[in-house]
Protein backbone atom coordinates (compact mmCIF):
# COMPACT_ATOMS: atom_id res chain seq x y z
CA MET A 1 -39.02 1.27 -51.11
CA SER A 2 -36.60 3.86 -49.14
CA ILE A 3 -35.60 6.82 -50.60
CA PRO A 4 -33.40 8.97 -48.56
CA ASN A 5 -34.49 13.12 -47.81
CA ASN A 6 -30.69 14.02 -47.79
CA LEU A 7 -29.90 13.00 -51.07
CA ARG A 8 -30.79 14.89 -54.31
CA TYR A 9 -31.79 12.24 -57.32
CA THR A 10 -31.87 12.58 -61.27
CA LYS A 11 -34.11 10.96 -63.59
CA SER A 12 -31.60 8.41 -65.03
CA HIS A 13 -31.59 6.66 -60.86
CA GLU A 14 -28.27 8.64 -59.73
CA TRP A 15 -28.30 10.20 -56.28
CA VAL A 16 -25.86 12.97 -55.08
CA ARG A 17 -24.98 14.09 -51.77
CA LEU A 18 -23.40 17.50 -51.00
CA GLU A 19 -20.51 16.50 -48.59
CA GLY A 20 -19.29 18.87 -45.78
CA ASP A 21 -16.24 19.39 -47.42
CA GLY A 22 -18.03 20.74 -50.84
CA THR A 23 -17.18 17.36 -52.48
CA ALA A 24 -20.28 15.55 -54.12
CA THR A 25 -20.68 12.26 -53.82
CA VAL A 26 -22.30 10.01 -56.46
CA GLY A 27 -23.78 6.19 -56.19
CA ILE A 28 -27.19 4.76 -58.32
CA THR A 29 -30.41 4.54 -56.22
CA GLN A 30 -31.95 1.86 -54.69
CA HIS A 31 -34.62 1.37 -57.49
CA ALA A 32 -31.56 1.06 -60.10
CA GLN A 33 -30.19 -1.68 -58.62
CA GLU A 34 -33.40 -3.37 -57.92
CA LEU A 35 -34.08 -3.23 -61.94
CA LEU A 36 -30.70 -4.34 -62.62
CA GLY A 37 -30.06 -7.62 -60.12
CA ASP A 38 -26.88 -8.70 -59.13
CA MET A 39 -23.97 -6.36 -59.80
CA VAL A 40 -21.18 -8.32 -61.53
CA PHE A 41 -18.78 -5.29 -62.18
CA VAL A 42 -18.49 -1.31 -61.67
CA GLU A 43 -16.34 0.56 -64.15
CA THR A 44 -15.68 4.15 -62.60
CA PRO A 45 -14.48 7.68 -64.36
CA ALA A 46 -10.40 8.22 -63.76
CA VAL A 47 -9.71 10.58 -60.56
CA GLY A 48 -9.07 13.96 -62.16
CA ARG A 49 -11.62 13.82 -65.07
CA LYS A 50 -13.65 16.68 -65.94
CA LEU A 51 -17.49 15.37 -66.27
CA LYS A 52 -20.12 17.53 -67.71
CA GLN A 53 -23.43 17.53 -66.76
CA SER A 54 -25.32 14.23 -67.48
CA GLU A 55 -21.77 12.90 -69.36
CA GLU A 56 -21.48 9.21 -69.44
CA CYS A 57 -19.21 8.59 -67.04
CA ALA A 58 -19.32 4.80 -65.20
CA VAL A 59 -21.05 1.80 -66.11
CA VAL A 60 -22.57 -0.80 -63.50
CA GLU A 61 -23.08 -4.52 -64.93
CA SER A 62 -25.08 -6.71 -63.76
CA VAL A 63 -26.23 -10.76 -64.40
CA LYS A 64 -29.13 -9.50 -66.56
CA ALA A 65 -27.84 -5.58 -68.29
CA ALA A 66 -25.26 -3.03 -68.31
CA ALA A 67 -26.76 0.67 -67.60
CA ASP A 68 -24.49 3.76 -67.84
CA VAL A 69 -23.79 6.10 -65.45
CA TYR A 70 -24.30 9.83 -65.77
CA ALA A 71 -22.97 12.90 -63.70
CA PRO A 72 -25.85 14.63 -62.10
CA ILE A 73 -23.96 17.68 -62.24
CA ALA A 74 -20.45 19.13 -63.68
CA GLY A 75 -17.04 19.03 -61.48
CA GLU A 76 -13.73 16.98 -61.33
CA VAL A 77 -13.87 13.47 -59.70
CA THR A 78 -11.47 13.57 -56.76
CA ALA A 79 -12.11 9.93 -55.65
CA VAL A 80 -13.65 6.34 -56.47
CA ASN A 81 -14.62 4.06 -54.21
CA PRO A 82 -11.96 1.46 -54.61
CA GLU A 83 -14.36 -1.69 -52.57
CA LEU A 84 -16.65 -1.66 -55.69
CA GLU A 85 -14.04 -3.16 -58.04
CA SER A 86 -13.78 -6.33 -56.00
CA ALA A 87 -17.02 -6.39 -54.43
CA PRO A 88 -19.53 -5.05 -56.80
CA GLU A 89 -22.29 -6.27 -54.88
CA LYS A 90 -22.34 -3.77 -52.30
CA ILE A 91 -24.36 -1.62 -54.51
CA ASN A 92 -27.25 -4.91 -53.96
CA GLN A 93 -26.50 -4.02 -50.21
CA ASP A 94 -26.79 -1.02 -49.77
CA ALA A 95 -26.78 1.47 -52.57
CA TYR A 96 -26.98 4.48 -50.80
CA GLU A 97 -23.88 3.87 -48.76
CA ALA A 98 -22.21 2.13 -51.94
CA TRP A 99 -20.98 5.27 -53.71
CA LEU A 100 -19.51 5.12 -57.16
CA PHE A 101 -17.16 8.22 -57.17
CA LYS A 102 -17.07 11.81 -55.52
CA LEU A 103 -16.70 15.02 -57.55
CA LYS A 104 -15.70 18.76 -56.71
CA PRO A 105 -18.69 20.49 -58.13
CA ASP A 106 -18.25 23.49 -61.09
CA ASN A 107 -21.25 24.74 -59.70
CA ALA A 108 -22.54 23.54 -56.30
CA SER A 109 -26.29 25.22 -56.42
CA ASP A 110 -26.70 22.79 -59.59
CA LEU A 111 -27.94 20.08 -56.51
CA ASP A 112 -30.56 22.53 -56.48
CA LYS A 113 -31.58 21.74 -59.90
CA LEU A 114 -32.09 17.96 -59.39
CA LEU A 115 -34.99 15.98 -57.71
CA ASP A 116 -35.59 15.36 -54.02
CA ALA A 117 -37.00 12.51 -52.66
CA THR A 118 -40.46 13.34 -53.35
CA ALA A 119 -40.23 14.23 -57.13
CA TYR A 120 -37.77 11.23 -57.40
CA GLN A 121 -40.69 8.97 -56.00
CA ASN A 122 -42.73 10.48 -58.12
CA ILE A 123 -41.15 9.47 -61.36
CA ILE A 124 -40.49 5.78 -60.10
CA GLU A 125 -44.43 5.23 -58.99
CA SER A 126 -45.12 6.97 -63.25
CA GLU A 127 -42.57 4.12 -64.45
CA ASP A 128 -44.23 1.39 -62.94
CA HIS A 129 -47.57 1.90 -64.52
């Protein structure tokens, strides 16, 4: 399983990427979408919503289950991915391209407290046993 090194991860299977403009892009990991199966619905947070770290802020629904998505860091939602409303299966096609939302971090250094690719890989492996 591919786990990009340029992203940060949460134990609840979100990924986050700091962009050049200072915003953070958030999605769910390849592992999460594999566990869920074929995506049928995505509910994203409203633009302008202020999120606390670890706050439930979105929902991804598959043919098997619905799962909450948690904010990996605190910040204000600046954009949502409009493609997912009509094509949630894009998450299954490439979980690291099909981002859910972008936010302006309250504190960009919070990303440093998240998991790197190696630590995230270790969590996945420990779940599989």
